[in-house]
Full PDB file with SEQRES, HELIX, SHEET, SSBOND, CRYST1, ORIGX, SCALE, CONECT and MASTER records, all heavy atoms in Angstrom:
SEQRES   1 A   38  GLU ARG HIS ARG LEU ASP ARG ALA ARG PHE SER ALA ASP          
SEQRES   2 A   38  SER LEU VAL GLY PHE ARG ARG GLY ASP ALA GLU ALA ASP          
SEQRES   3 A   38  SER VAL ALA LEU ARG LEU ALA LEU ASP ASP VAL ALA              
HELIX    1 AA1 LEU A   34  ASP A   36  5                                   3    
SHEET    1 AA1 3 ARG A   7  PHE A  10  0                                        
SHEET    2 AA1 3 SER A  14  ARG A  20 -1                                        
SHEET    3 AA1 3 ASP A  26  ALA A  33 -1                                        
CRYST1    1.000    1.000    1.000  90.00  90.00  90.00 P 1           1          
ORIGX1      1.000000  0.000000  0.000000        0.00000                         
ORIGX2      0.000000  1.000000  0.000000        0.00000                         
ORIGX3      0.000000  0.000000  1.000000        0.00000                         
SCALE1      1.000000  0.000000  0.000000        0.00000                         
SCALE2      0.000000  1.000000  0.000000        0.00000                         
SCALE3      0.000000  0.000000  1.000000        0.00000                         
ATOM      1  N   GLU A   1       0.850  -1.197   0.000  1.00  0.00           N  
ATOM      2  CA  GLU A   1       0.000   0.000   0.000  1.00  0.00           C  
ATOM      3  C   GLU A   1       0.882   1.242   0.000  1.00  0.00           C  
ATOM      4  O   GLU A   1       1.950   1.267   0.594  1.00  0.00           O  
ATOM      5  CB  GLU A   1      -0.896   0.024   1.238  1.00  0.00           C  
ATOM      6  CG  GLU A   1      -1.899  -1.097   1.289  1.00  0.00           C  
ATOM      7  CD  GLU A   1      -2.702  -1.059   2.581  1.00  0.00           C  
ATOM      8  OE1 GLU A   1      -2.526  -0.099   3.370  1.00  0.00           O  
ATOM      9  OE2 GLU A   1      -3.493  -1.979   2.802  1.00  0.00           O  
ATOM     10  N   ARG A   2       0.395   2.267  -0.694  1.00  0.00           N  
ATOM     11  CA  ARG A   2       1.118   3.539  -0.765  1.00  0.00           C  
ATOM     12  C   ARG A   2       0.257   4.649  -0.188  1.00  0.00           C  
ATOM     13  O   ARG A   2      -0.904   4.788  -0.551  1.00  0.00           O  
ATOM     14  CB  ARG A   2       1.389   3.837  -2.231  1.00  0.00           C  
ATOM     15  CG  ARG A   2       2.785   4.236  -2.512  1.00  0.00           C  
ATOM     16  CD  ARG A   2       2.916   4.494  -3.975  1.00  0.00           C  
ATOM     17  NE  ARG A   2       3.582   5.767  -4.087  1.00  0.00           N  
ATOM     18  CZ  ARG A   2       4.591   5.992  -4.883  1.00  0.00           C  
ATOM     19  NH1 ARG A   2       4.982   5.078  -5.702  1.00  0.00           N  
ATOM     20  NH2 ARG A   2       5.165   7.151  -4.887  1.00  0.00           N  
ATOM     21  N   HIS A   3       0.824   5.446   0.703  1.00  0.00           N  
ATOM     22  CA  HIS A   3       0.093   6.527   1.359  1.00  0.00           C  
ATOM     23  C   HIS A   3       0.869   7.833   1.222  1.00  0.00           C  
ATOM     24  O   HIS A   3       2.056   7.884   1.538  1.00  0.00           O  
ATOM     25  CB  HIS A   3      -0.103   6.231   2.853  1.00  0.00           C  
ATOM     26  CG  HIS A   3      -0.809   4.947   3.120  1.00  0.00           C  
ATOM     27  ND1 HIS A   3      -2.173   4.839   3.103  1.00  0.00           N  
ATOM     28  CD2 HIS A   3      -0.334   3.711   3.403  1.00  0.00           C  
ATOM     29  CE1 HIS A   3      -2.512   3.594   3.369  1.00  0.00           C  
ATOM     30  NE2 HIS A   3      -1.413   2.891   3.551  1.00  0.00           N  
ATOM     31  N   ARG A   4       0.199   8.877   0.747  1.00  0.00           N  
ATOM     32  CA  ARG A   4       0.790  10.221   0.699  1.00  0.00           C  
ATOM     33  C   ARG A   4       0.332  10.965   1.954  1.00  0.00           C  
ATOM     34  O   ARG A   4      -0.864  11.062   2.210  1.00  0.00           O  
ATOM     35  CB  ARG A   4       0.336  10.970  -0.544  1.00  0.00           C  
ATOM     36  CG  ARG A   4       0.913  10.420  -1.794  1.00  0.00           C  
ATOM     37  CD  ARG A   4       0.616  11.349  -2.963  1.00  0.00           C  
ATOM     38  NE  ARG A   4       1.133  10.793  -4.178  1.00  0.00           N  
ATOM     39  CZ  ARG A   4       2.364  11.019  -4.642  1.00  0.00           C  
ATOM     40  NH1 ARG A   4       3.168  11.799  -3.968  1.00  0.00           N  
ATOM     41  NH2 ARG A   4       2.770  10.464  -5.759  1.00  0.00           N  
ATOM     42  N   LEU A   5       1.296  11.506   2.681  1.00  0.00           N  
ATOM     43  CA  LEU A   5       0.998  12.192   3.933  1.00  0.00           C  
ATOM     44  C   LEU A   5       1.535  13.615   3.896  1.00  0.00           C  
ATOM     45  O   LEU A   5       2.624  13.855   3.368  1.00  0.00           O  
ATOM     46  CB  LEU A   5       1.632  11.441   5.112  1.00  0.00           C  
ATOM     47  CG  LEU A   5       1.225   9.971   5.269  1.00  0.00           C  
ATOM     48  CD1 LEU A   5       2.074   9.312   6.342  1.00  0.00           C  
ATOM     49  CD2 LEU A   5      -0.242   9.872   5.610  1.00  0.00           C  
ATOM     50  N   ASP A   6       0.754  14.534   4.460  1.00  0.00           N  
ATOM     51  CA  ASP A   6       1.223  15.916   4.574  1.00  0.00           C  
ATOM     52  C   ASP A   6       2.289  16.031   5.651  1.00  0.00           C  
ATOM     53  O   ASP A   6       3.248  16.770   5.515  1.00  0.00           O  
ATOM     54  CB  ASP A   6       0.067  16.858   4.894  1.00  0.00           C  
ATOM     55  CG  ASP A   6      -0.880  16.999   3.720  1.00  0.00           C  
ATOM     56  OD1 ASP A   6      -0.399  16.984   2.570  1.00  0.00           O  
ATOM     57  OD2 ASP A   6      -2.092  17.124   3.943  1.00  0.00           O  
ATOM     58  N   ARG A   7       2.099  15.293   6.722  1.00  0.00           N  
ATOM     59  CA  ARG A   7       3.104  15.264   7.787  1.00  0.00           C  
ATOM     60  C   ARG A   7       2.937  13.982   8.591  1.00  0.00           C  
ATOM     61  O   ARG A   7       1.892  13.338   8.530  1.00  0.00           O  
ATOM     62  CB  ARG A   7       3.018  16.488   8.682  1.00  0.00           C  
ATOM     63  CG  ARG A   7       1.756  16.648   9.454  1.00  0.00           C  
ATOM     64  CD  ARG A   7       1.724  17.981  10.213  1.00  0.00           C  
ATOM     65  NE  ARG A   7       0.482  18.127  10.928  1.00  0.00           N  
ATOM     66  CZ  ARG A   7       0.296  17.762  12.195  1.00  0.00           C  
ATOM     67  NH1 ARG A   7       1.287  17.272  12.886  1.00  0.00           N  
ATOM     68  NH2 ARG A   7      -0.876  17.931  12.766  1.00  0.00           N  
ATOM     69  N   ALA A   8       3.975  13.623   9.319  1.00  0.00           N  
ATOM     70  CA  ALA A   8       3.937  12.427  10.156  1.00  0.00           C  
ATOM     71  C   ALA A   8       4.762  12.665  11.403  1.00  0.00           C  
ATOM     72  O   ALA A   8       5.795  13.337  11.360  1.00  0.00           O  
ATOM     73  CB  ALA A   8       4.462  11.217   9.399  1.00  0.00           C  
ATOM     74  N   ARG A   9       4.288  12.112  12.499  1.00  0.00           N  
ATOM     75  CA  ARG A   9       5.026  12.150  13.769  1.00  0.00           C  
ATOM     76  C   ARG A   9       5.631  10.778  13.999  1.00  0.00           C  
ATOM     77  O   ARG A   9       4.982   9.764  13.786  1.00  0.00           O  
ATOM     78  CB  ARG A   9       4.092  12.489  14.921  1.00  0.00           C  
ATOM     79  CG  ARG A   9       3.634  13.902  14.905  1.00  0.00           C  
ATOM     80  CD  ARG A   9       2.942  14.257  16.205  1.00  0.00           C  
ATOM     81  NE  ARG A   9       2.153  15.453  15.989  1.00  0.00           N  
ATOM     82  CZ  ARG A   9       0.925  15.622  16.429  1.00  0.00           C  
ATOM     83  NH1 ARG A   9       0.341  14.669  17.126  1.00  0.00           N  
ATOM     84  NH2 ARG A   9       0.287  16.737  16.195  1.00  0.00           N  
ATOM     85  N   PHE A  10       6.863  10.769  14.460  1.00  0.00           N  
ATOM     86  CA  PHE A  10       7.585   9.515  14.660  1.00  0.00           C  
ATOM     87  C   PHE A  10       7.925   9.325  16.126  1.00  0.00           C  
ATOM     88  O   PHE A  10       8.247  10.275  16.834  1.00  0.00           O  
ATOM     89  CB  PHE A  10       8.893   9.521  13.861  1.00  0.00           C  
ATOM     90  CG  PHE A  10       8.685   9.476  12.385  1.00  0.00           C  
ATOM     91  CD1 PHE A  10       8.486  10.643  11.667  1.00  0.00           C  
ATOM     92  CD2 PHE A  10       8.665   8.272  11.716  1.00  0.00           C  
ATOM     93  CE1 PHE A  10       8.290  10.613  10.307  1.00  0.00           C  
ATOM     94  CE2 PHE A  10       8.474   8.234  10.349  1.00  0.00           C  
ATOM     95  CZ  PHE A  10       8.283   9.401   9.649  1.00  0.00           C  
ATOM     96  N   SER A  11       7.853   8.077  16.561  1.00  0.00           N  
ATOM     97  CA  SER A  11       8.390   7.691  17.864  1.00  0.00           C  
ATOM     98  C   SER A  11       9.435   6.619  17.575  1.00  0.00           C  
ATOM     99  O   SER A  11       9.755   6.352  16.427  1.00  0.00           O  
ATOM    100  CB  SER A  11       7.275   7.175  18.780  1.00  0.00           C  
ATOM    101  OG  SER A  11       6.718   5.996  18.255  1.00  0.00           O  
ATOM    102  N   ALA A  12       9.940   5.976  18.598  1.00  0.00           N  
ATOM    103  CA  ALA A  12      11.009   4.996  18.408  1.00  0.00           C  
ATOM    104  C   ALA A  12      10.567   3.803  17.565  1.00  0.00           C  
ATOM    105  O   ALA A  12      11.368   3.223  16.840  1.00  0.00           O  
ATOM    106  CB  ALA A  12      11.519   4.524  19.761  1.00  0.00           C  
ATOM    107  N   ASP A  13       9.261   3.449  17.626  1.00  0.00           N  
ATOM    108  CA  ASP A  13       8.841   2.235  16.922  1.00  0.00           C  
ATOM    109  C   ASP A  13       7.589   2.406  16.068  1.00  0.00           C  
ATOM    110  O   ASP A  13       7.090   1.437  15.502  1.00  0.00           O  
ATOM    111  CB  ASP A  13       8.613   1.108  17.924  1.00  0.00           C  
ATOM    112  CG  ASP A  13       7.546   1.449  18.940  1.00  0.00           C  
ATOM    113  OD1 ASP A  13       7.122   2.613  18.997  1.00  0.00           O  
ATOM    114  OD2 ASP A  13       7.123   0.540  19.683  1.00  0.00           O  
ATOM    115  N   SER A  14       7.064   3.633  15.940  1.00  0.00           N  
ATOM    116  CA  SER A  14       5.835   3.803  15.158  1.00  0.00           C  
ATOM    117  C   SER A  14       5.773   5.184  14.518  1.00  0.00           C  
ATOM    118  O   SER A  14       6.545   6.069  14.849  1.00  0.00           O  
ATOM    119  CB  SER A  14       4.610   3.590  16.046  1.00  0.00           C  
ATOM    120  OG  SER A  14       4.560   4.581  17.046  1.00  0.00           O  
ATOM    121  N   LEU A  15       4.821   5.316  13.602  1.00  0.00           N  
ATOM    122  CA  LEU A  15       4.554   6.621  13.000  1.00  0.00           C  
ATOM    123  C   LEU A  15       3.062   6.848  12.948  1.00  0.00           C  
ATOM    124  O   LEU A  15       2.277   5.907  12.837  1.00  0.00           O  
ATOM    125  CB  LEU A  15       5.166   6.753  11.606  1.00  0.00           C  
ATOM    126  CG  LEU A  15       4.555   6.045  10.413  1.00  0.00           C  
ATOM    127  CD1 LEU A  15       3.444   6.867   9.774  1.00  0.00           C  
ATOM    128  CD2 LEU A  15       5.624   5.827   9.369  1.00  0.00           C  
ATOM    129  N   VAL A  16       2.674   8.104  13.072  1.00  0.00           N  
ATOM    130  CA  VAL A  16       1.279   8.510  12.932  1.00  0.00           C  
ATOM    131  C   VAL A  16       1.267   9.560  11.834  1.00  0.00           C  
ATOM    132  O   VAL A  16       1.896  10.609  11.950  1.00  0.00           O  
ATOM    133  CB  VAL A  16       0.721   9.100  14.246  1.00  0.00           C  
ATOM    134  CG1 VAL A  16      -0.703   9.574  14.051  1.00  0.00           C  
ATOM    135  CG2 VAL A  16       0.807   8.078  15.372  1.00  0.00           C  
ATOM    136  N   GLY A  17       0.575   9.257  10.717  1.00  0.00           N  
ATOM    137  CA  GLY A  17       0.551  10.149   9.566  1.00  0.00           C  
ATOM    138  C   GLY A  17      -0.718  10.967   9.507  1.00  0.00           C  
ATOM    139  O   GLY A  17      -1.787  10.517   9.925  1.00  0.00           O  
ATOM    140  N   PHE A  18      -0.593  12.172   9.003  1.00  0.00           N  
ATOM    141  CA  PHE A  18      -1.719  13.100   8.893  1.00  0.00           C  
ATOM    142  C   PHE A  18      -1.861  13.563   7.455  1.00  0.00           C  
ATOM    143  O   PHE A  18      -0.881  13.804   6.769  1.00  0.00           O  
ATOM    144  CB  PHE A  18      -1.496  14.322   9.791  1.00  0.00           C  
ATOM    145  CG  PHE A  18      -1.347  13.991  11.238  1.00  0.00           C  
ATOM    146  CD1 PHE A  18      -0.103  13.727  11.781  1.00  0.00           C  
ATOM    147  CD2 PHE A  18      -2.452  13.942  12.054  1.00  0.00           C  
ATOM    148  CE1 PHE A  18       0.030  13.418  13.113  1.00  0.00           C  
ATOM    149  CE2 PHE A  18      -2.335  13.640  13.396  1.00  0.00           C  
ATOM    150  CZ  PHE A  18      -1.084  13.372  13.928  1.00  0.00           C  
ATOM    151  N   ARG A  19      -3.103  13.680   7.032  1.00  0.00           N  
ATOM    152  CA  ARG A  19      -3.437  14.224   5.724  1.00  0.00           C  
ATOM    153  C   ARG A  19      -4.431  15.334   5.930  1.00  0.00           C  
ATOM    154  O   ARG A  19      -5.348  15.211   6.738  1.00  0.00           O  
ATOM    155  CB  ARG A  19      -4.085  13.138   4.856  1.00  0.00           C  
ATOM    156  CG  ARG A  19      -3.387  12.885   3.591  1.00  0.00           C  
ATOM    157  CD  ARG A  19      -4.137  11.956   2.679  1.00  0.00           C  
ATOM    158  NE  ARG A  19      -5.054  11.032   3.274  1.00  0.00           N  
ATOM    159  CZ  ARG A  19      -4.912   9.705   3.258  1.00  0.00           C  
ATOM    160  NH1 ARG A  19      -3.875   9.170   2.692  1.00  0.00           N  
ATOM    161  NH2 ARG A  19      -5.798   8.941   3.798  1.00  0.00           N  
ATOM    162  N   ARG A  20      -4.295  16.420   5.187  1.00  0.00           N  
ATOM    163  CA  ARG A  20      -5.242  17.528   5.332  1.00  0.00           C  
ATOM    164  C   ARG A  20      -6.534  17.119   4.656  1.00  0.00           C  
ATOM    165  O   ARG A  20      -6.576  16.814   3.481  1.00  0.00           O  
ATOM    166  CB  ARG A  20      -4.709  18.800   4.695  1.00  0.00           C  
ATOM    167  CG  ARG A  20      -5.613  19.990   4.994  1.00  0.00           C  
ATOM    168  CD  ARG A  20      -4.911  21.298   4.746  1.00  0.00           C  
ATOM    169  NE  ARG A  20      -3.679  21.456   5.499  1.00  0.00           N  
ATOM    170  CZ  ARG A  20      -3.607  21.893   6.750  1.00  0.00           C  
ATOM    171  NH1 ARG A  20      -4.702  22.203   7.401  1.00  0.00           N  
ATOM    172  NH2 ARG A  20      -2.467  22.027   7.358  1.00  0.00           N  
ATOM    173  N   GLY A  21      -7.590  17.108   5.414  1.00  0.00           N  
ATOM    174  CA  GLY A  21      -8.887  16.730   4.878  1.00  0.00           C  
ATOM    175  C   GLY A  21      -9.676  17.941   4.445  1.00  0.00           C  
ATOM    176  O   GLY A  21      -9.147  19.025   4.245  1.00  0.00           O  
ATOM    177  N   ASP A  22     -10.976  17.763   4.283  1.00  0.00           N  
ATOM    178  CA  ASP A  22     -11.841  18.875   3.910  1.00  0.00           C  
ATOM    179  C   ASP A  22     -11.981  19.866   5.054  1.00  0.00           C  
ATOM    180  O   ASP A  22     -12.173  21.050   4.843  1.00  0.00           O  
ATOM    181  CB  ASP A  22     -13.228  18.362   3.509  1.00  0.00           C  
ATOM    182  CG  ASP A  22     -13.153  17.544   2.233  1.00  0.00           C  
ATOM    183  OD1 ASP A  22     -12.240  17.806   1.424  1.00  0.00           O  
ATOM    184  OD2 ASP A  22     -13.994  16.658   2.059  1.00  0.00           O  
ATOM    185  N   ALA A  23     -11.878  19.367   6.275  1.00  0.00           N  
ATOM    186  CA  ALA A  23     -12.005  20.244   7.443  1.00  0.00           C  
ATOM    187  C   ALA A  23     -10.685  20.975   7.669  1.00  0.00           C  
ATOM    188  O   ALA A  23      -9.661  20.630   7.109  1.00  0.00           O  
ATOM    189  CB  ALA A  23     -12.359  19.421   8.672  1.00  0.00           C  
ATOM    190  N   GLU A  24     -10.708  21.987   8.481  1.00  0.00           N  
ATOM    191  CA  GLU A  24      -9.508  22.766   8.766  1.00  0.00           C  
ATOM    192  C   GLU A  24      -8.498  21.963   9.581  1.00  0.00           C  
ATOM    193  O   GLU A  24      -7.307  22.111   9.408  1.00  0.00           O  
ATOM    194  CB  GLU A  24      -9.881  24.043   9.522  1.00  0.00           C  
ATOM    195  CG  GLU A  24     -10.538  25.078   8.656  1.00  0.00           C  
ATOM    196  CD  GLU A  24      -9.609  25.590   7.563  1.00  0.00           C  
ATOM    197  OE1 GLU A  24      -8.438  25.864   7.845  1.00  0.00           O  
ATOM    198  OE2 GLU A  24     -10.071  25.696   6.419  1.00  0.00           O  
ATOM    199  N   ALA A  25      -8.991  21.118  10.477  1.00  0.00           N  
ATOM    200  CA  ALA A  25      -8.097  20.347  11.333  1.00  0.00           C  
ATOM    201  C   ALA A  25      -7.535  19.164  10.564  1.00  0.00           C  
ATOM    202  O   ALA A  25      -8.178  18.609   9.684  1.00  0.00           O  
ATOM    203  CB  ALA A  25      -8.851  19.860  12.569  1.00  0.00           C  
ATOM    204  N   ASP A  26      -6.296  18.799  10.885  1.00  0.00           N  
ATOM    205  CA  ASP A  26      -5.701  17.622  10.261  1.00  0.00           C  
ATOM    206  C   ASP A  26      -6.411  16.387  10.770  1.00  0.00           C  
ATOM    207  O   ASP A  26      -6.868  16.313  11.906  1.00  0.00           O  
ATOM    208  CB  ASP A  26      -4.220  17.518  10.610  1.00  0.00           C  
ATOM    209  CG  ASP A  26      -3.396  18.570   9.904  1.00  0.00           C  
ATOM    210  OD1 ASP A  26      -3.870  19.092   8.880  1.00  0.00           O  
ATOM    211  OD2 ASP A  26      -2.292  18.860  10.380  1.00  0.00           O  
ATOM    212  N   SER A  27      -6.510  15.387   9.915  1.00  0.00           N  
ATOM    213  CA  SER A  27      -7.137  14.148  10.335  1.00  0.00           C  
ATOM    214  C   SER A  27      -6.104  13.024  10.259  1.00  0.00           C  
ATOM    215  O   SER A  27      -5.272  12.991   9.363  1.00  0.00           O  
ATOM    216  CB  SER A  27      -8.330  13.827   9.428  1.00  0.00           C  
ATOM    217  OG  SER A  27      -7.893  13.727   8.090  1.00  0.00           O  
ATOM    218  N   VAL A  28      -6.145  12.125  11.224  1.00  0.00           N  
ATOM    219  CA  VAL A  28      -5.220  11.000  11.250  1.00  0.00           C  
ATOM    220  C   VAL A  28      -5.561  10.086  10.089  1.00  0.00           C  
ATOM    221  O   VAL A  28      -6.697   9.673   9.906  1.00  0.00           O  
ATOM    222  CB  VAL A  28      -5.316  10.239  12.589  1.00  0.00           C  
ATOM    223  CG1 VAL A  28      -4.466   8.993  12.552  1.00  0.00           C  
ATOM    224  CG2 VAL A  28      -4.902  11.138  13.732  1.00  0.00           C  
ATOM    225  N   ALA A  29      -4.571   9.806   9.262  1.00  0.00           N  
ATOM    226  CA  ALA A  29      -4.796   8.968   8.099  1.00  0.00           C  
ATOM    227  C   ALA A  29      -4.176   7.592   8.260  1.00  0.00           C  
ATOM    228  O   ALA A  29      -4.621   6.648   7.626  1.00  0.00           O  
ATOM    229  CB  ALA A  29      -4.217   9.631   6.854  1.00  0.00           C  
ATOM    230  N   LEU A  30      -3.173   7.487   9.125  1.00  0.00           N  
ATOM    231  CA  LEU A  30      -2.411   6.252   9.162  1.00  0.00           C  
ATOM    232  C   LEU A  30      -1.680   6.100  10.494  1.00  0.00           C  
ATOM    233  O   LEU A  30      -1.090   7.056  10.992  1.00  0.00           O  
ATOM    234  CB  LEU A  30      -1.384   6.298   8.021  1.00  0.00           C  
ATOM    235  CG  LEU A  30      -0.498   5.111   7.775  1.00  0.00           C  
ATOM    236  CD1 LEU A  30      -1.322   3.922   7.311  1.00  0.00           C  
ATOM    237  CD2 LEU A  30       0.521   5.461   6.716  1.00  0.00           C  
ATOM    238  N   ARG A  31      -1.750   4.904  11.047  1.00  0.00           N  
ATOM    239  CA  ARG A  31      -0.945   4.546  12.222  1.00  0.00           C  
ATOM    240  C   ARG A  31      -0.236   3.257  11.869  1.00  0.00           C  
ATOM    241  O   ARG A  31      -0.873   2.266  11.512  1.00  0.00           O  
ATOM    242  CB  ARG A  31      -1.821   4.312  13.448  1.00  0.00           C  
ATOM    243  CG  ARG A  31      -2.481   5.543  13.978  1.00  0.00           C  
ATOM    244  CD  ARG A  31      -3.360   5.195  15.193  1.00  0.00           C  
ATOM    245  NE  ARG A  31      -4.257   6.267  15.519  1.00  0.00           N  
ATOM    246  CZ  ARG A  31      -3.970   7.253  16.359  1.00  0.00           C  
ATOM    247  NH1 ARG A  31      -2.804   7.280  16.956  1.00  0.00           N  
ATOM    248  NH2 ARG A  31      -4.841   8.203  16.600  1.00  0.00           N  
ATOM    249  N   LEU A  32       1.101   3.276  11.944  1.00  0.00           N  
ATOM    250  CA  LEU A  32       1.892   2.116  11.543  1.00  0.00           C  
ATOM    251  C   LEU A  32       3.060   1.892  12.489  1.00  0.00           C  
ATOM    252  O   LEU A  32       3.645   2.852  12.990  1.00  0.00           O  
ATOM    253  CB  LEU A  32       2.504   2.333  10.154  1.00  0.00           C  
ATOM    254  CG  LEU A  32       1.668   2.103   8.923  1.00  0.00           C  
ATOM    255  CD1 LEU A  32       2.485   2.452   7.690  1.00  0.00           C  
ATOM    256  CD2 LEU A  32       1.203   0.669   8.841  1.00  0.00           C  
ATOM    257  N   ALA A  33       3.403   0.628  12.660  1.00  0.00           N  
ATOM    258  CA  ALA A  33       4.662   0.296  13.315  1.00  0.00           C  
ATOM    259  C   ALA A  33       5.762   0.478  12.272  1.00  0.00           C  
ATOM    260  O   ALA A  33       5.552   0.224  11.083  1.00  0.00           O  
ATOM    261  CB  ALA A  33       4.639  -1.139  13.821  1.00  0.00           C  
ATOM    262  N   LEU A  34       6.933   0.939  12.677  1.00  0.00           N  
ATOM    263  CA  LEU A  34       8.014   1.155  11.720  1.00  0.00           C  
ATOM    264  C   LEU A  34       8.454  -0.148  11.059  1.00  0.00           C  
ATOM    265  O   LEU A  34       8.988  -0.132   9.951  1.00  0.00           O  
ATOM    266  CB  LEU A  34       9.197   1.847  12.398  1.00  0.00           C  
ATOM    267  CG  LEU A  34       8.973   3.308  12.785  1.00  0.00           C  
ATOM    268  CD1 LEU A  34      10.218   3.892  13.429  1.00  0.00           C  
ATOM    269  CD2 LEU A  34       8.561   4.136  11.592  1.00  0.00           C  
ATOM    270  N   ASP A  35       8.212  -1.279  11.706  1.00  0.00           N  
ATOM    271  CA  ASP A  35       8.543  -2.574  11.104  1.00  0.00           C  
ATOM    272  C   ASP A  35       7.656  -2.876   9.898  1.00  0.00           C  
ATOM    273  O   ASP A  35       8.036  -3.659   9.031  1.00  0.00           O  
ATOM    274  CB  ASP A  35       8.407  -3.699  12.138  1.00  0.00           C  
ATOM    275  CG  ASP A  35       9.469  -3.601  13.216  1.00  0.00           C  
ATOM    276  OD1 ASP A  35      10.523  -2.983  12.957  1.00  0.00           O  
ATOM    277  OD2 ASP A  35       9.242  -4.148  14.314  1.00  0.00           O  
ATOM    278  N   ASP A  36       6.470  -2.271   9.836  1.00  0.00           N  
ATOM    279  CA  ASP A  36       5.550  -2.493   8.712  1.00  0.00           C  
ATOM    280  C   ASP A  36       5.843  -1.583   7.522  1.00  0.00           C  
ATOM    281  O   ASP A  36       5.210  -1.711   6.477  1.00  0.00           O  
ATOM    282  CB  ASP A  36       4.099  -2.271   9.158  1.00  0.00           C  
ATOM    283  CG  ASP A  36       3.661  -3.308  10.178  1.00  0.00           C  
ATOM    284  OD1 ASP A  36       4.262  -4.399  10.216  1.00  0.00           O  
ATOM    285  OD2 ASP A  36       2.719  -3.015  10.936  1.00  0.00           O  
ATOM    286  N   VAL A  37       6.788  -0.669   7.659  1.00  0.00           N  
ATOM    287  CA  VAL A  37       7.119   0.257   6.579  1.00  0.00           C  
ATOM    288  C   VAL A  37       8.188  -0.370   5.695  1.00  0.00           C  
ATOM    289  O   VAL A  37       9.269  -0.729   6.157  1.00  0.00           O  
ATOM    290  CB  VAL A  37       7.614   1.611   7.148  1.00  0.00           C  
ATOM    291  CG1 VAL A  37       8.061   2.537   6.039  1.00  0.00           C  
ATOM    292  CG2 VAL A  37       6.532   2.247   7.979  1.00  0.00           C  
ATOM    293  N   ALA A  38       7.884  -0.498   4.405  1.00  0.00           N  
ATOM    294  CA  ALA A  38       8.855  -1.032   3.456  1.00  0.00           C  
ATOM    295  C   ALA A  38       9.754   0.076   2.922  1.00  0.00           C  
ATOM    296  O   ALA A  38      10.952  -0.108   2.743  1.00  0.00           O  
ATOM    297  CB  ALA A  38       8.142  -1.719   2.297  1.00  0.00           C  
TER     298      ALA A  38                                                      
MASTER        0    0    0    1    3    0    0    6  297    1    0    3          
END                                                                             
């Protein structure tokens, strides 16, 4: 799967990605463990 993200926050073992939606606030688009990232 391929995901385009406006921004992402990283921790030691995971990432939380954000995409700008129709609303003004960012919406969470993706939560992944870094091991799942190819």
